[in-house]
Amino acid sequence: MLAVSVDKFPTQFQPNQAFNKQAQIDAIIELAKKTKNWDALENAIDIKIADQTDLVGWWDMSVRAPHVTGSVTSIDVVDAENLTGFGKMQISRMRKRLKNESQYRAQLFGAAYKKAFPDSPLINRNTGDVEWHTPPEYIEMAREVMGSIDTDPASNAIANEAVKAAVYYTINDNGLDKKWLGNVWMNPPYGAREIRQFSEKLVSEIECGNATQAIALTNSATDVGWFNTLARGASLICLTTGRISFHKPDGERTSPTMGQAFFYFGQDDKKFCEVFSGVGLIFEARN
C-alpha cells in the first residue's frame, strides 16, 4: 500500500555544520544570480533564512539562556563561537535581520530578480503580507480522510469558506496561543520563524492529545529543521508529484519553485493512502 518506506529524514539542525552550510548556500545564491537561475535562487533563499532561524534559535536557547538541567544546557559564548563558526555579533545581526524577514528576503533577492519579477509575492513572503489559499480539492481530500475539519490554526474568513473549520484562528487571533482541538487542517504561514513555530505547535498538540488527527501542507523543504519536526511526528508523508499552485481571493496564483508535502497525523493510514495515492509518493515515517 505504501509506495515507499524510509527509516528517517535528515537530522535536525547541527550547530557544528552551520558555517559550512551557510557558505554553501551563499555560493549557490551568488551563482544563481549570475546565471539568472531564478528557481535555484528562490529555493536557496528559503533554505538560508530557515537555517539562520534555526541557528539563532539554537543560540538563544543554548548560549543566552541560563543552565537548564536535562536535555538543554547553556554553553560558553566562546565555545559556541568555536562550535558554529559564527561570532556573537554575527548572530546578533542575523537576529536583527530576521525580525524583518520581508525586508531581509528582498535584500537577498537583489535588483536583478526584482527587475525580472517586480510583482513576485516571494520577495515579501511572510505572515500577513500575502494570503495564499489552498485549492479546495486538497482540502476536500483532507476532510475525506479525517471525517471533518475541527480546527484551522492559520486561516482567515475567506479561506474558511473552503476549509469550513468549526474553529479557525487568524493572524490577529494568534493561534499559537490556543488549543488545537479535534481534527486539524494546517497550511501554515511560510515565514521561516512562523512555519517553525506552527510546526512545533502541531506536533505538541498531537502529543498532548488536544488534536486527534491532523493534515499539514507545506513545501517539501526536506533539509530544514521544521520539516524534520513534522516528519518525525507524522505517521505518513505524501510528497507531491508536481507543484501545487496556491491562489489569492482575486484569482492570482503562485508559481512555486518546489513540490509540496502533506503530513498525516493519526491512526487511519489506510484511508490517507487511498485518498492521497494519486497526489504523489507516500512515505511511512519511522522514529
C-alpha atoms as a PDB file:
ATOM      1  CA  MET A   1       0.000   0.000   0.000  1.00  0.00           C
ATOM      2  CA  LEU A   2       2.780   2.416   0.837  1.00  0.00           C
ATOM      3  CA  ALA A   3       4.780   3.492  -2.169  1.00  0.00           C
ATOM      4  CA  VAL A   4       7.999   3.975  -0.201  1.00  0.00           C
ATOM      5  CA  SER A   5       9.169   3.412   3.375  1.00  0.00           C
ATOM      6  CA  VAL A   6      12.011   5.353   4.943  1.00  0.00           C
ATOM      7  CA  ASP A   7      13.665   4.944   8.312  1.00  0.00           C
ATOM      8  CA  LYS A   8      14.335   8.626   8.879  1.00  0.00           C
ATOM      9  CA  PHE A   9      14.640  12.014   7.284  1.00  0.00           C
ATOM     10  CA  PRO A  10      17.730  14.253   7.536  1.00  0.00           C
ATOM     11  CA  THR A  11      18.800  15.129  11.052  1.00  0.00           C
ATOM     12  CA  GLN A  12      17.785  18.255  12.943  1.00  0.00           C
ATOM     13  CA  PHE A  13      19.858  21.422  12.976  1.00  0.00           C
ATOM     14  CA  GLN A  14      23.533  20.716  13.693  1.00  0.00           C
ATOM     15  CA  PRO A  15      25.417  23.754  15.066  1.00  0.00           C
ATOM     16  CA  ASN A  16      28.815  22.389  14.047  1.00  0.00           C
ATOM     17  CA  GLN A  17      27.690  22.385  10.399  1.00  0.00           C
ATOM     18  CA  ALA A  18      26.166  25.876  10.442  1.00  0.00           C
ATOM     19  CA  PHE A  19      29.093  27.821   8.989  1.00  0.00           C
ATOM     20  CA  ASN A  20      29.818  25.443   6.117  1.00  0.00           C
ATOM     21  CA  LYS A  21      26.172  25.160   5.160  1.00  0.00           C
ATOM     22  CA  GLN A  22      25.701  28.931   5.132  1.00  0.00           C
ATOM     23  CA  ALA A  23      28.816  29.297   2.986  1.00  0.00           C
ATOM     24  CA  GLN A  24      27.499  26.729   0.527  1.00  0.00           C
ATOM     25  CA  ILE A  25      24.107  28.419   0.342  1.00  0.00           C
ATOM     26  CA  ASP A  26      25.720  31.832  -0.177  1.00  0.00           C
ATOM     27  CA  ALA A  27      27.719  30.398  -3.079  1.00  0.00           C
ATOM     28  CA  ILE A  28      24.558  28.967  -4.629  1.00  0.00           C
ATOM     29  CA  ILE A  29      22.788  32.323  -4.244  1.00  0.00           C
ATOM     30  CA  GLU A  30      25.598  34.188  -5.991  1.00  0.00           C
ATOM     31  CA  LEU A  31      25.832  31.631  -8.807  1.00  0.00           C
ATOM     32  CA  ALA A  32      22.052  31.652  -9.273  1.00  0.00           C
ATOM     33  CA  LYS A  33      22.056  35.438  -9.594  1.00  0.00           C
ATOM     34  CA  LYS A  34      24.869  35.390 -12.145  1.00  0.00           C
ATOM     35  CA  THR A  35      23.213  32.697 -14.249  1.00  0.00           C
ATOM     36  CA  LYS A  36      19.683  34.038 -13.636  1.00  0.00           C
ATOM     37  CA  ASN A  37      18.583  30.649 -12.384  1.00  0.00           C
ATOM     38  CA  TRP A  38      15.600  32.037 -10.506  1.00  0.00           C
ATOM     39  CA  ASP A  39      14.246  28.686  -9.301  1.00  0.00           C
ATOM     40  CA  ALA A  40      17.579  27.903  -7.646  1.00  0.00           C
ATOM     41  CA  LEU A  41      17.752  31.409  -6.174  1.00  0.00           C
ATOM     42  CA  GLU A  42      14.283  31.203  -4.630  1.00  0.00           C
ATOM     43  CA  ASN A  43      14.979  27.790  -3.126  1.00  0.00           C
ATOM     44  CA  ALA A  44      18.398  28.828  -1.761  1.00  0.00           C
ATOM     45  CA  ILE A  45      16.982  31.939  -0.092  1.00  0.00           C
ATOM     46  CA  ASP A  46      14.283  29.858   1.603  1.00  0.00           C
ATOM     47  CA  ILE A  47      16.962  27.497   2.928  1.00  0.00           C
ATOM     48  CA  LYS A  48      19.247  30.337   4.038  1.00  0.00           C
ATOM     49  CA  ILE A  49      16.501  32.044   6.058  1.00  0.00           C
ATOM     50  CA  ALA A  50      15.292  28.770   7.561  1.00  0.00           C
ATOM     51  CA  ASP A  51      18.818  27.746   8.572  1.00  0.00           C
ATOM     52  CA  GLN A  52      19.593  31.147  10.087  1.00  0.00           C
ATOM     53  CA  THR A  53      16.336  30.963  12.037  1.00  0.00           C
ATOM     54  CA  ASP A  54      17.396  27.563  13.398  1.00  0.00           C
ATOM     55  CA  LEU A  55      20.870  28.894  14.241  1.00  0.00           C
ATOM     56  CA  VAL A  56      19.579  31.946  16.099  1.00  0.00           C
ATOM     57  CA  GLY A  57      17.022  29.781  17.904  1.00  0.00           C
ATOM     58  CA  TRP A  58      19.731  27.327  18.977  1.00  0.00           C
ATOM     59  CA  TRP A  59      21.995  30.199  20.103  1.00  0.00           C
ATOM     60  CA  ASP A  60      19.254  31.855  22.134  1.00  0.00           C
ATOM     61  CA  MET A  61      18.395  28.596  23.861  1.00  0.00           C
ATOM     62  CA  SER A  62      21.887  27.180  24.351  1.00  0.00           C
ATOM     63  CA  VAL A  63      24.062  30.258  24.873  1.00  0.00           C
ATOM     64  CA  ARG A  64      21.934  33.066  26.245  1.00  0.00           C
ATOM     65  CA  ALA A  65      19.592  31.044  28.461  1.00  0.00           C
ATOM     66  CA  PRO A  66      20.623  30.061  31.996  1.00  0.00           C
ATOM     67  CA  HIS A  67      21.669  26.487  32.618  1.00  0.00           C
ATOM     68  CA  VAL A  68      18.764  24.053  32.500  1.00  0.00           C
ATOM     69  CA  THR A  69      19.094  20.547  33.886  1.00  0.00           C
ATOM     70  CA  GLY A  70      18.171  17.971  31.272  1.00  0.00           C
ATOM     71  CA  SER A  71      18.423  17.983  27.504  1.00  0.00           C
ATOM     72  CA  VAL A  72      19.020  21.719  27.158  1.00  0.00           C
ATOM     73  CA  THR A  73      22.201  23.216  28.589  1.00  0.00           C
ATOM     74  CA  SER A  74      23.815  26.591  28.140  1.00  0.00           C
ATOM     75  CA  ILE A  75      27.391  26.802  26.914  1.00  0.00           C
ATOM     76  CA  ASP A  76      30.047  29.481  26.986  1.00  0.00           C
ATOM     77  CA  VAL A  77      29.943  32.115  24.225  1.00  0.00           C
ATOM     78  CA  VAL A  78      33.480  31.320  23.120  1.00  0.00           C
ATOM     79  CA  ASP A  79      32.637  27.629  22.882  1.00  0.00           C
ATOM     80  CA  ALA A  80      29.521  28.461  20.882  1.00  0.00           C
ATOM     81  CA  GLU A  81      31.523  30.644  18.509  1.00  0.00           C
ATOM     82  CA  ASN A  82      34.079  27.881  18.006  1.00  0.00           C
ATOM     83  CA  LEU A  83      31.339  25.292  17.502  1.00  0.00           C
ATOM     84  CA  THR A  84      29.288  27.228  14.955  1.00  0.00           C
ATOM     85  CA  GLY A  85      31.961  29.334  13.271  1.00  0.00           C
ATOM     86  CA  PHE A  86      29.883  32.463  13.901  1.00  0.00           C
ATOM     87  CA  GLY A  87      30.672  35.234  16.385  1.00  0.00           C
ATOM     88  CA  LYS A  88      28.250  36.744  18.843  1.00  0.00           C
ATOM     89  CA  MET A  89      27.956  39.946  16.806  1.00  0.00           C
ATOM     90  CA  GLN A  90      27.200  37.982  13.634  1.00  0.00           C
ATOM     91  CA  ILE A  91      24.399  36.162  15.430  1.00  0.00           C
ATOM     92  CA  SER A  92      23.082  39.498  16.664  1.00  0.00           C
ATOM     93  CA  ARG A  93      22.975  40.824  13.104  1.00  0.00           C
ATOM     94  CA  MET A  94      21.168  37.699  11.932  1.00  0.00           C
ATOM     95  CA  ARG A  95      18.608  38.111  14.709  1.00  0.00           C
ATOM     96  CA  LYS A  96      18.006  41.725  13.702  1.00  0.00           C
ATOM     97  CA  ARG A  97      17.575  40.856  10.008  1.00  0.00           C
ATOM     98  CA  LEU A  98      15.178  38.009  10.768  1.00  0.00           C
ATOM     99  CA  LYS A  99      12.937  40.322  12.782  1.00  0.00           C
ATOM    100  CA  ASN A 100      12.069  41.994   9.461  1.00  0.00           C
ATOM    101  CA  GLU A 101      12.080  38.940   7.250  1.00  0.00           C
ATOM    102  CA  SER A 102      10.263  40.679   4.406  1.00  0.00           C
ATOM    103  CA  GLN A 103      12.986  43.320   4.081  1.00  0.00           C
ATOM    104  CA  TYR A 104      15.763  40.757   4.516  1.00  0.00           C
ATOM    105  CA  ARG A 105      14.295  38.497   1.855  1.00  0.00           C
ATOM    106  CA  ALA A 106      14.059  41.410  -0.586  1.00  0.00           C
ATOM    107  CA  GLN A 107      17.726  42.231   0.023  1.00  0.00           C
ATOM    108  CA  LEU A 108      18.750  38.643  -0.664  1.00  0.00           C
ATOM    109  CA  PHE A 109      16.820  38.521  -3.938  1.00  0.00           C
ATOM    110  CA  GLY A 110      18.608  41.629  -5.186  1.00  0.00           C
ATOM    111  CA  ALA A 111      17.966  44.032  -8.028  1.00  0.00           C
ATOM    112  CA  ALA A 112      18.199  41.584 -10.941  1.00  0.00           C
ATOM    113  CA  TYR A 113      15.457  39.303  -9.622  1.00  0.00           C
ATOM    114  CA  LYS A 114      13.218  42.220  -8.672  1.00  0.00           C
ATOM    115  CA  LYS A 115      13.637  43.651 -12.169  1.00  0.00           C
ATOM    116  CA  ALA A 116      12.677  40.317 -13.731  1.00  0.00           C
ATOM    117  CA  PHE A 117       9.753  39.724 -11.356  1.00  0.00           C
ATOM    118  CA  PRO A 118       8.661  43.119  -9.981  1.00  0.00           C
ATOM    119  CA  ASP A 119       5.360  41.789  -8.612  1.00  0.00           C
ATOM    120  CA  SER A 120       6.631  38.498  -7.211  1.00  0.00           C
ATOM    121  CA  PRO A 121       4.968  37.628  -3.883  1.00  0.00           C
ATOM    122  CA  LEU A 122       8.080  35.625  -2.967  1.00  0.00           C
ATOM    123  CA  ILE A 123      10.046  38.804  -2.268  1.00  0.00           C
ATOM    124  CA  ASN A 124       7.784  39.780   0.607  1.00  0.00           C
ATOM    125  CA  ARG A 125       6.658  36.336   1.641  1.00  0.00           C
ATOM    126  CA  ASN A 126       5.965  36.212   5.352  1.00  0.00           C
ATOM    127  CA  THR A 127       2.967  36.112   7.648  1.00  0.00           C
ATOM    128  CA  GLY A 128       0.412  38.797   6.900  1.00  0.00           C
ATOM    129  CA  ASP A 129       1.977  40.131   3.711  1.00  0.00           C
ATOM    130  CA  VAL A 130       0.074  37.911   1.293  1.00  0.00           C
ATOM    131  CA  GLU A 131      -2.743  35.411   1.894  1.00  0.00           C
ATOM    132  CA  TRP A 132      -2.268  32.325  -0.244  1.00  0.00           C
ATOM    133  CA  HIS A 133      -5.049  29.747  -0.091  1.00  0.00           C
ATOM    134  CA  THR A 134      -5.041  26.004  -0.730  1.00  0.00           C
ATOM    135  CA  PRO A 135      -7.024  24.810  -3.769  1.00  0.00           C
ATOM    136  CA  PRO A 136     -10.341  23.406  -2.491  1.00  0.00           C
ATOM    137  CA  GLU A 137      -9.816  19.913  -3.900  1.00  0.00           C
ATOM    138  CA  TYR A 138      -6.965  19.239  -1.472  1.00  0.00           C
ATOM    139  CA  ILE A 139      -8.999  20.499   1.456  1.00  0.00           C
ATOM    140  CA  GLU A 140     -11.804  18.118   0.487  1.00  0.00           C
ATOM    141  CA  MET A 141      -9.287  15.270   0.383  1.00  0.00           C
ATOM    142  CA  ALA A 142      -8.168  16.122   3.904  1.00  0.00           C
ATOM    143  CA  ARG A 143     -11.786  16.237   5.038  1.00  0.00           C
ATOM    144  CA  GLU A 144     -12.422  12.845   3.456  1.00  0.00           C
ATOM    145  CA  VAL A 145      -9.511  11.317   5.361  1.00  0.00           C
ATOM    146  CA  MET A 146     -10.296  12.830   8.766  1.00  0.00           C
ATOM    147  CA  GLY A 147     -14.088  12.981   8.515  1.00  0.00           C
ATOM    148  CA  SER A 148     -14.208  16.661   9.470  1.00  0.00           C
ATOM    149  CA  ILE A 149     -12.021  19.708   9.997  1.00  0.00           C
ATOM    150  CA  ASP A 150     -12.487  20.974  13.519  1.00  0.00           C
ATOM    151  CA  THR A 151      -9.613  23.459  13.778  1.00  0.00           C
ATOM    152  CA  ASP A 152      -7.631  25.544  11.304  1.00  0.00           C
ATOM    153  CA  PRO A 153      -4.977  27.454  13.260  1.00  0.00           C
ATOM    154  CA  ALA A 154      -3.687  29.622  10.382  1.00  0.00           C
ATOM    155  CA  SER A 155      -6.593  30.958   8.385  1.00  0.00           C
ATOM    156  CA  ASN A 156      -8.940  33.848   7.670  1.00  0.00           C
ATOM    157  CA  ALA A 157     -12.620  34.318   6.903  1.00  0.00           C
ATOM    158  CA  ILE A 158     -12.212  33.931   3.135  1.00  0.00           C
ATOM    159  CA  ALA A 159     -10.068  30.809   3.380  1.00  0.00           C
ATOM    160  CA  ASN A 160     -12.541  29.250   5.799  1.00  0.00           C
ATOM    161  CA  GLU A 161     -15.272  29.390   3.174  1.00  0.00           C
ATOM    162  CA  ALA A 162     -13.483  26.406   1.632  1.00  0.00           C
ATOM    163  CA  VAL A 163     -11.992  24.851   4.767  1.00  0.00           C
ATOM    164  CA  LYS A 164     -15.256  25.075   6.755  1.00  0.00           C
ATOM    165  CA  ALA A 165     -13.426  24.543  10.042  1.00  0.00           C
ATOM    166  CA  ALA A 166     -15.583  24.650  13.160  1.00  0.00           C
ATOM    167  CA  VAL A 167     -12.916  26.891  14.736  1.00  0.00           C
ATOM    168  CA  TYR A 168     -10.275  28.909  12.893  1.00  0.00           C
ATOM    169  CA  TYR A 169      -7.672  31.425  14.008  1.00  0.00           C
ATOM    170  CA  THR A 170      -6.372  34.380  12.037  1.00  0.00           C
ATOM    171  CA  ILE A 171      -3.163  36.367  12.297  1.00  0.00           C
ATOM    172  CA  ASN A 172      -4.987  38.653  14.742  1.00  0.00           C
ATOM    173  CA  ASP A 173      -6.073  35.748  16.972  1.00  0.00           C
ATOM    174  CA  ASN A 174      -2.600  34.186  17.194  1.00  0.00           C
ATOM    175  CA  GLY A 175      -3.435  30.505  17.003  1.00  0.00           C
ATOM    176  CA  LEU A 176      -0.100  29.662  18.624  1.00  0.00           C
ATOM    177  CA  ASP A 177      -1.622  30.673  21.965  1.00  0.00           C
ATOM    178  CA  LYS A 178      -4.734  28.491  21.555  1.00  0.00           C
ATOM    179  CA  LYS A 179      -5.560  24.810  21.923  1.00  0.00           C
ATOM    180  CA  TRP A 180      -5.970  22.978  18.623  1.00  0.00           C
ATOM    181  CA  LEU A 181      -8.774  20.500  19.194  1.00  0.00           C
ATOM    182  CA  GLY A 182     -10.059  17.526  17.204  1.00  0.00           C
ATOM    183  CA  ASN A 183      -9.186  17.164  13.534  1.00  0.00           C
ATOM    184  CA  VAL A 184      -6.722  19.854  12.447  1.00  0.00           C
ATOM    185  CA  TRP A 185      -6.011  21.193   8.967  1.00  0.00           C
ATOM    186  CA  MET A 186      -2.889  23.362   8.748  1.00  0.00           C
ATOM    187  CA  ASN A 187      -1.453  25.320   5.848  1.00  0.00           C
ATOM    188  CA  PRO A 188       0.984  27.384   7.927  1.00  0.00           C
ATOM    189  CA  PRO A 189       2.399  30.840   7.239  1.00  0.00           C
ATOM    190  CA  TYR A 190       5.649  30.465   5.324  1.00  0.00           C
ATOM    191  CA  GLY A 191       7.881  32.947   7.102  1.00  0.00           C
ATOM    192  CA  ALA A 192      10.861  30.994   8.434  1.00  0.00           C
ATOM    193  CA  ARG A 193      10.163  31.766  12.090  1.00  0.00           C
ATOM    194  CA  GLU A 194       6.408  31.270  11.817  1.00  0.00           C
ATOM    195  CA  ILE A 195       6.495  27.952   9.979  1.00  0.00           C
ATOM    196  CA  ARG A 196       8.880  26.570  12.605  1.00  0.00           C
ATOM    197  CA  GLN A 197       6.572  27.743  15.412  1.00  0.00           C
ATOM    198  CA  PHE A 198       3.434  26.303  13.800  1.00  0.00           C
ATOM    199  CA  SER A 199       5.196  23.005  13.056  1.00  0.00           C
ATOM    200  CA  GLU A 200       6.355  22.626  16.652  1.00  0.00           C
ATOM    201  CA  LYS A 201       2.909  23.587  17.924  1.00  0.00           C
ATOM    202  CA  LEU A 202       1.146  20.982  15.762  1.00  0.00           C
ATOM    203  CA  VAL A 203       3.376  18.174  16.962  1.00  0.00           C
ATOM    204  CA  SER A 204       2.870  19.327  20.555  1.00  0.00           C
ATOM    205  CA  GLU A 205      -0.934  19.405  20.182  1.00  0.00           C
ATOM    206  CA  ILE A 206      -0.908  15.854  18.790  1.00  0.00           C
ATOM    207  CA  GLU A 207       1.386  14.576  21.532  1.00  0.00           C
ATOM    208  CA  CYS A 208      -0.671  16.069  24.357  1.00  0.00           C
ATOM    209  CA  GLY A 209      -3.931  14.744  22.908  1.00  0.00           C
ATOM    210  CA  ASN A 210      -5.652  18.017  22.080  1.00  0.00           C
ATOM    211  CA  ALA A 211      -5.547  17.204  18.371  1.00  0.00           C
ATOM    212  CA  THR A 212      -6.740  13.708  17.459  1.00  0.00           C
ATOM    213  CA  GLN A 213      -5.832  13.850  13.759  1.00  0.00           C
ATOM    214  CA  ALA A 214      -4.101  16.405  11.570  1.00  0.00           C
ATOM    215  CA  ILE A 215      -3.040  17.026   7.995  1.00  0.00           C
ATOM    216  CA  ALA A 216      -0.462  19.727   7.316  1.00  0.00           C
ATOM    217  CA  LEU A 217       0.514  21.087   3.911  1.00  0.00           C
ATOM    218  CA  THR A 218       3.945  22.667   3.391  1.00  0.00           C
ATOM    219  CA  ASN A 219       6.678  22.976   0.805  1.00  0.00           C
ATOM    220  CA  SER A 220       8.899  19.897   0.540  1.00  0.00           C
ATOM    221  CA  ALA A 221      11.931  21.567   2.127  1.00  0.00           C
ATOM    222  CA  THR A 222      13.376  18.329   3.442  1.00  0.00           C
ATOM    223  CA  ASP A 223      16.672  19.866   4.591  1.00  0.00           C
ATOM    224  CA  VAL A 224      15.367  22.362   7.157  1.00  0.00           C
ATOM    225  CA  GLY A 225      14.511  21.885  10.813  1.00  0.00           C
ATOM    226  CA  TRP A 226      10.767  22.478  10.749  1.00  0.00           C
ATOM    227  CA  PHE A 227      10.288  19.849   8.022  1.00  0.00           C
ATOM    228  CA  ASN A 228      12.058  17.302  10.198  1.00  0.00           C
ATOM    229  CA  THR A 229       9.923  18.307  13.179  1.00  0.00           C
ATOM    230  CA  LEU A 230       6.789  17.466  11.201  1.00  0.00           C
ATOM    231  CA  ALA A 231       8.293  14.350   9.591  1.00  0.00           C
ATOM    232  CA  ARG A 232       9.343  12.840  12.906  1.00  0.00           C
ATOM    233  CA  GLY A 233       5.892  13.401  14.405  1.00  0.00           C
ATOM    234  CA  ALA A 234       3.779  12.292  11.451  1.00  0.00           C
ATOM    235  CA  SER A 235       2.528   8.823  10.570  1.00  0.00           C
ATOM    236  CA  LEU A 236       2.723   9.297   6.812  1.00  0.00           C
ATOM    237  CA  ILE A 237       4.132  11.875   4.407  1.00  0.00           C
ATOM    238  CA  CYS A 238       2.983  12.423   0.829  1.00  0.00           C
ATOM    239  CA  LEU A 239       5.492  14.209  -1.422  1.00  0.00           C
ATOM    240  CA  THR A 240       3.553  15.637  -4.342  1.00  0.00           C
ATOM    241  CA  THR A 241       4.196  14.790  -7.955  1.00  0.00           C
ATOM    242  CA  GLY A 242       4.410  18.260  -9.444  1.00  0.00           C
ATOM    243  CA  ARG A 243       3.653  21.506  -7.634  1.00  0.00           C
ATOM    244  CA  ILE A 244       0.504  22.909  -6.080  1.00  0.00           C
ATOM    245  CA  SER A 245      -0.441  26.377  -7.285  1.00  0.00           C
ATOM    246  CA  PHE A 246      -1.890  28.325  -4.358  1.00  0.00           C
ATOM    247  CA  HIS A 247      -4.163  31.293  -5.027  1.00  0.00           C
ATOM    248  CA  LYS A 248      -5.483  34.581  -3.701  1.00  0.00           C
ATOM    249  CA  PRO A 249      -9.162  35.504  -3.431  1.00  0.00           C
ATOM    250  CA  ASP A 250      -8.853  37.592  -6.627  1.00  0.00           C
ATOM    251  CA  GLY A 251      -7.727  34.535  -8.606  1.00  0.00           C
ATOM    252  CA  GLU A 252      -3.994  35.292  -8.730  1.00  0.00           C
ATOM    253  CA  ARG A 253      -1.936  32.106  -8.474  1.00  0.00           C
ATOM    254  CA  THR A 254       1.555  31.286  -7.285  1.00  0.00           C
ATOM    255  CA  SER A 255       4.298  29.653  -9.308  1.00  0.00           C
ATOM    256  CA  PRO A 256       6.034  27.576  -6.612  1.00  0.00           C
ATOM    257  CA  THR A 257       9.675  26.620  -7.034  1.00  0.00           C
ATOM    258  CA  MET A 258       9.401  23.215  -5.379  1.00  0.00           C
ATOM    259  CA  GLY A 259       6.883  20.483  -4.723  1.00  0.00           C
ATOM    260  CA  GLN A 260       4.780  20.179  -1.606  1.00  0.00           C
ATOM    261  CA  ALA A 261       4.307  17.714   1.224  1.00  0.00           C
ATOM    262  CA  PHE A 262       1.224  16.530   3.092  1.00  0.00           C
ATOM    263  CA  PHE A 263       1.875  15.242   6.620  1.00  0.00           C
ATOM    264  CA  TYR A 264      -0.688  12.917   8.193  1.00  0.00           C
ATOM    265  CA  PHE A 265      -1.000  12.543  11.954  1.00  0.00           C
ATOM    266  CA  GLY A 266      -3.495   9.896  13.011  1.00  0.00           C
ATOM    267  CA  GLN A 267      -4.444   6.239  13.047  1.00  0.00           C
ATOM    268  CA  ASP A 268      -6.191   5.768   9.700  1.00  0.00           C
ATOM    269  CA  ASP A 269      -3.137   5.257   7.482  1.00  0.00           C
ATOM    270  CA  LYS A 270      -5.162   3.141   5.075  1.00  0.00           C
ATOM    271  CA  LYS A 271      -7.640   5.934   4.412  1.00  0.00           C
ATOM    272  CA  PHE A 272      -4.877   8.515   3.868  1.00  0.00           C
ATOM    273  CA  CYS A 273      -3.164   6.221   1.345  1.00  0.00           C
ATOM    274  CA  GLU A 274      -6.429   5.610  -0.508  1.00  0.00           C
ATOM    275  CA  VAL A 275      -7.236   9.300  -0.806  1.00  0.00           C
ATOM    276  CA  PHE A 276      -3.753  10.738  -1.445  1.00  0.00           C
ATOM    277  CA  SER A 277      -2.231   7.935  -3.554  1.00  0.00           C
ATOM    278  CA  GLY A 278      -2.855   9.924  -6.723  1.00  0.00           C
ATOM    279  CA  VAL A 279      -1.159  13.062  -5.355  1.00  0.00           C
ATOM    280  CA  GLY A 280       2.354  11.706  -5.016  1.00  0.00           C
ATOM    281  CA  LEU A 281       4.669   9.254  -3.289  1.00  0.00           C
ATOM    282  CA  ILE A 282       3.627   8.260   0.231  1.00  0.00           C
ATOM    283  CA  PHE A 283       6.295   7.577   2.838  1.00  0.00           C
ATOM    284  CA  GLU A 284       5.945   5.916   6.201  1.00  0.00           C
ATOM    285  CA  ALA A 285       7.714   7.996   8.851  1.00  0.00           C
ATOM    286  CA  ARG A 286       9.628   5.863  11.354  1.00  0.00           C
ATOM    287  CA  ASN A 287      11.095   7.306  14.524  1.00  0.00           C
END
